[in-house]
Every structure is written in C-alpha cells, then in structure tokens.
Amino acid sequence: MGRDVEEENTRAAILKIISNEQAMMILEHSMYTPRSAYEISSACSIPLTQVYRWVRRLHRLGFVKISGDTNNAGKKYFMYKSKIRSVKVTLNAVPGPQIEIL
C-alpha cells in the first residue's frame, strides 16, 4: 500500500500541487523515465524556469527523485523522475481530507 499523509500543512501542499496542471504534467512526463528539465519543458510546453520551480517543490514533498552526473565535457546535469504512481484523496468532513500516496 501507499503512505498516508497525516500532517495538515503537507496535505494542503499536496492538494495545491495535484490541482496544478503544470505540476501534474511534470509528474506524468517523468513517471517512468528520468528526464532533464529541458526535456520536460519541451515536451510539456512549460517555461524552463517554471519546471525548475515545480521540480524543487515536488522534490521537497518527496514526489520527485533528483539524480545527477557529469557529461564528457565536464558539465553537471540533473535528471528528474517521479517517485509516485498515484495520489488518492478522500474528502471527509472530520478530520479533513485523507491523502494516500502510492
């Protein structure tokens, strides 16, 4: 099974992310294969600065794995891969929405 999100601030942040089209496109595009920010930007038609901003937020919540390496010219590059396959939200009056991440 997945993990339940208990902390209210984290639940609110996750709800904001899953309601944002750009964030969801980034997660979907990087779900099975690590992608560079440029690849994500090109494929999803999202400005590169927005990709970096969303990747940073997604990484902070544990939604994206960042890996890096150095190319033959000695330049560092980073690849981003979604760590989640699905998010399940159940709306309840009390104690509030329940979120399960798979």
C-alpha atoms as a PDB file:
ATOM      1  CA  MET A   1       0.000   0.000   0.000  1.00  0.00           C
ATOM      2  CA  GLY A   2       0.918   3.641  -0.082  1.00  0.00           C
ATOM      3  CA  ARG A   3       1.641   6.049   2.699  1.00  0.00           C
ATOM      4  CA  ASP A   4      -0.989   8.184   4.396  1.00  0.00           C
ATOM      5  CA  VAL A   5      -0.260  11.880   4.870  1.00  0.00           C
ATOM      6  CA  GLU A   6      -1.111  12.959   8.393  1.00  0.00           C
ATOM      7  CA  GLU A   7       0.299  16.494   8.699  1.00  0.00           C
ATOM      8  CA  GLU A   8      -2.222  19.181   7.763  1.00  0.00           C
ATOM      9  CA  ASN A   9       0.332  21.540   6.146  1.00  0.00           C
ATOM     10  CA  THR A  10       1.645  18.724   3.969  1.00  0.00           C
ATOM     11  CA  ARG A  11      -1.888  17.718   2.966  1.00  0.00           C
ATOM     12  CA  ALA A  12      -2.603  21.310   1.925  1.00  0.00           C
ATOM     13  CA  ALA A  13       0.613  21.474  -0.121  1.00  0.00           C
ATOM     14  CA  ILE A  14      -0.224  18.180  -1.859  1.00  0.00           C
ATOM     15  CA  LEU A  15      -3.742  19.365  -2.694  1.00  0.00           C
ATOM     16  CA  LYS A  16      -2.282  22.539  -4.255  1.00  0.00           C
ATOM     17  CA  ILE A  17       0.149  20.510  -6.330  1.00  0.00           C
ATOM     18  CA  ILE A  18      -2.336  17.982  -7.648  1.00  0.00           C
ATOM     19  CA  SER A  19      -4.680  20.787  -8.619  1.00  0.00           C
ATOM     20  CA  ASN A  20      -1.961  22.464 -10.720  1.00  0.00           C
ATOM     21  CA  GLU A  21      -1.819  21.415 -14.364  1.00  0.00           C
ATOM     22  CA  GLN A  22       1.916  22.119 -14.783  1.00  0.00           C
ATOM     23  CA  ALA A  23       2.897  20.100 -11.710  1.00  0.00           C
ATOM     24  CA  MET A  24       0.807  17.163 -12.870  1.00  0.00           C
ATOM     25  CA  MET A  25       2.307  17.287 -16.365  1.00  0.00           C
ATOM     26  CA  ILE A  26       5.812  17.208 -14.866  1.00  0.00           C
ATOM     27  CA  LEU A  27       4.916  14.198 -12.706  1.00  0.00           C
ATOM     28  CA  GLU A  28       3.275  12.369 -15.606  1.00  0.00           C
ATOM     29  CA  HIS A  29       6.120  13.061 -18.039  1.00  0.00           C
ATOM     30  CA  SER A  30       8.783  11.839 -15.607  1.00  0.00           C
ATOM     31  CA  MET A  31       6.882   8.861 -14.223  1.00  0.00           C
ATOM     32  CA  TYR A  32       8.713   6.010 -15.984  1.00  0.00           C
ATOM     33  CA  THR A  33      11.932   7.565 -17.283  1.00  0.00           C
ATOM     34  CA  PRO A  34      14.188  10.210 -15.733  1.00  0.00           C
ATOM     35  CA  ARG A  35      14.031  13.444 -17.748  1.00  0.00           C
ATOM     36  CA  SER A  36      16.060  16.630 -17.805  1.00  0.00           C
ATOM     37  CA  ALA A  37      14.362  19.949 -17.079  1.00  0.00           C
ATOM     38  CA  TYR A  38      14.844  20.873 -20.741  1.00  0.00           C
ATOM     39  CA  GLU A  39      13.147  17.649 -21.921  1.00  0.00           C
ATOM     40  CA  ILE A  40      10.223  18.258 -19.571  1.00  0.00           C
ATOM     41  CA  SER A  41       9.974  21.892 -20.656  1.00  0.00           C
ATOM     42  CA  SER A  42       9.959  20.987 -24.353  1.00  0.00           C
ATOM     43  CA  ALA A  43       7.552  18.065 -24.097  1.00  0.00           C
ATOM     44  CA  CYS A  44       5.061  19.821 -21.813  1.00  0.00           C
ATOM     45  CA  SER A  45       5.363  23.378 -23.212  1.00  0.00           C
ATOM     46  CA  ILE A  46       6.180  24.728 -19.759  1.00  0.00           C
ATOM     47  CA  PRO A  47       8.752  27.532 -19.406  1.00  0.00           C
ATOM     48  CA  LEU A  48      12.078  26.171 -18.130  1.00  0.00           C
ATOM     49  CA  THR A  49      12.033  28.446 -15.067  1.00  0.00           C
ATOM     50  CA  GLN A  50       8.616  27.054 -14.099  1.00  0.00           C
ATOM     51  CA  VAL A  51       9.905  23.477 -14.500  1.00  0.00           C
ATOM     52  CA  TYR A  52      12.764  24.185 -12.093  1.00  0.00           C
ATOM     53  CA  ARG A  53      10.396  25.855  -9.633  1.00  0.00           C
ATOM     54  CA  TRP A  54       7.938  22.937  -9.684  1.00  0.00           C
ATOM     55  CA  VAL A  55      10.660  20.288  -9.517  1.00  0.00           C
ATOM     56  CA  ARG A  56      12.061  21.953  -6.405  1.00  0.00           C
ATOM     57  CA  ARG A  57       8.602  21.948  -4.746  1.00  0.00           C
ATOM     58  CA  LEU A  58       7.899  18.367  -5.809  1.00  0.00           C
ATOM     59  CA  HIS A  59      11.288  17.218  -4.515  1.00  0.00           C
ATOM     60  CA  ARG A  60      10.671  18.893  -1.142  1.00  0.00           C
ATOM     61  CA  LEU A  61       7.477  16.836  -0.757  1.00  0.00           C
ATOM     62  CA  GLY A  62       9.226  13.631  -1.817  1.00  0.00           C
ATOM     63  CA  PHE A  63       7.375  13.375  -5.138  1.00  0.00           C
ATOM     64  CA  VAL A  64      10.455  13.645  -7.394  1.00  0.00           C
ATOM     65  CA  LYS A  65      13.856  11.963  -7.248  1.00  0.00           C
ATOM     66  CA  ILE A  66      16.812  14.026  -8.493  1.00  0.00           C
ATOM     67  CA  SER A  67      19.888  12.312  -9.886  1.00  0.00           C
ATOM     68  CA  GLY A  68      22.917  13.940 -11.440  1.00  0.00           C
ATOM     69  CA  ASP A  69      26.050  13.176 -13.360  1.00  0.00           C
ATOM     70  CA  THR A  70      28.762  14.873 -15.362  1.00  0.00           C
ATOM     71  CA  ASN A  71      28.902  14.723 -19.154  1.00  0.00           C
ATOM     72  CA  ASN A  72      32.055  14.227 -21.250  1.00  0.00           C
ATOM     73  CA  ALA A  73      32.693  17.976 -21.327  1.00  0.00           C
ATOM     74  CA  GLY A  74      32.692  18.090 -17.504  1.00  0.00           C
ATOM     75  CA  LYS A  75      29.339  19.844 -17.197  1.00  0.00           C
ATOM     76  CA  LYS A  76      26.961  18.694 -14.472  1.00  0.00           C
ATOM     77  CA  TYR A  77      23.404  17.810 -15.393  1.00  0.00           C
ATOM     78  CA  PHE A  78      20.395  16.635 -13.418  1.00  0.00           C
ATOM     79  CA  MET A  79      17.590  14.229 -14.214  1.00  0.00           C
ATOM     80  CA  TYR A  80      14.183  14.178 -12.552  1.00  0.00           C
ATOM     81  CA  LYS A  81      11.932  11.171 -12.031  1.00  0.00           C
ATOM     82  CA  SER A  82       8.534  10.935 -10.392  1.00  0.00           C
ATOM     83  CA  LYS A  83       8.517   8.758  -7.267  1.00  0.00           C
ATOM     84  CA  ILE A  84       4.738   8.415  -7.161  1.00  0.00           C
ATOM     85  CA  ARG A  85       2.309   6.483  -9.317  1.00  0.00           C
ATOM     86  CA  SER A  86      -0.946   7.785  -7.887  1.00  0.00           C
ATOM     87  CA  VAL A  87      -2.466  10.034  -5.260  1.00  0.00           C
ATOM     88  CA  LYS A  88      -5.775   9.116  -3.656  1.00  0.00           C
ATOM     89  CA  VAL A  89      -7.770  11.862  -1.941  1.00  0.00           C
ATOM     90  CA  THR A  90     -10.806  11.053   0.191  1.00  0.00           C
ATOM     91  CA  LEU A  91     -12.872  14.025   1.294  1.00  0.00           C
ATOM     92  CA  ASN A  92     -14.219  13.827   4.837  1.00  0.00           C
ATOM     93  CA  ALA A  93     -15.893  16.500   6.935  1.00  0.00           C
ATOM     94  CA  VAL A  94     -13.929  15.442  10.020  1.00  0.00           C
ATOM     95  CA  PRO A  95     -10.913  15.426  10.419  1.00  0.00           C
ATOM     96  CA  GLY A  96     -10.486  16.698   6.843  1.00  0.00           C
ATOM     97  CA  PRO A  97      -9.260  15.221   3.563  1.00  0.00           C
ATOM     98  CA  GLN A  98      -7.286  11.991   3.743  1.00  0.00           C
ATOM     99  CA  ILE A  99      -4.443  11.617   1.249  1.00  0.00           C
ATOM    100  CA  GLU A 100      -2.731   8.371   0.309  1.00  0.00           C
ATOM    101  CA  ILE A 101       0.321   8.396  -1.966  1.00  0.00           C
ATOM    102  CA  LEU A 102       1.215   5.297  -3.980  1.00  0.00           C
END
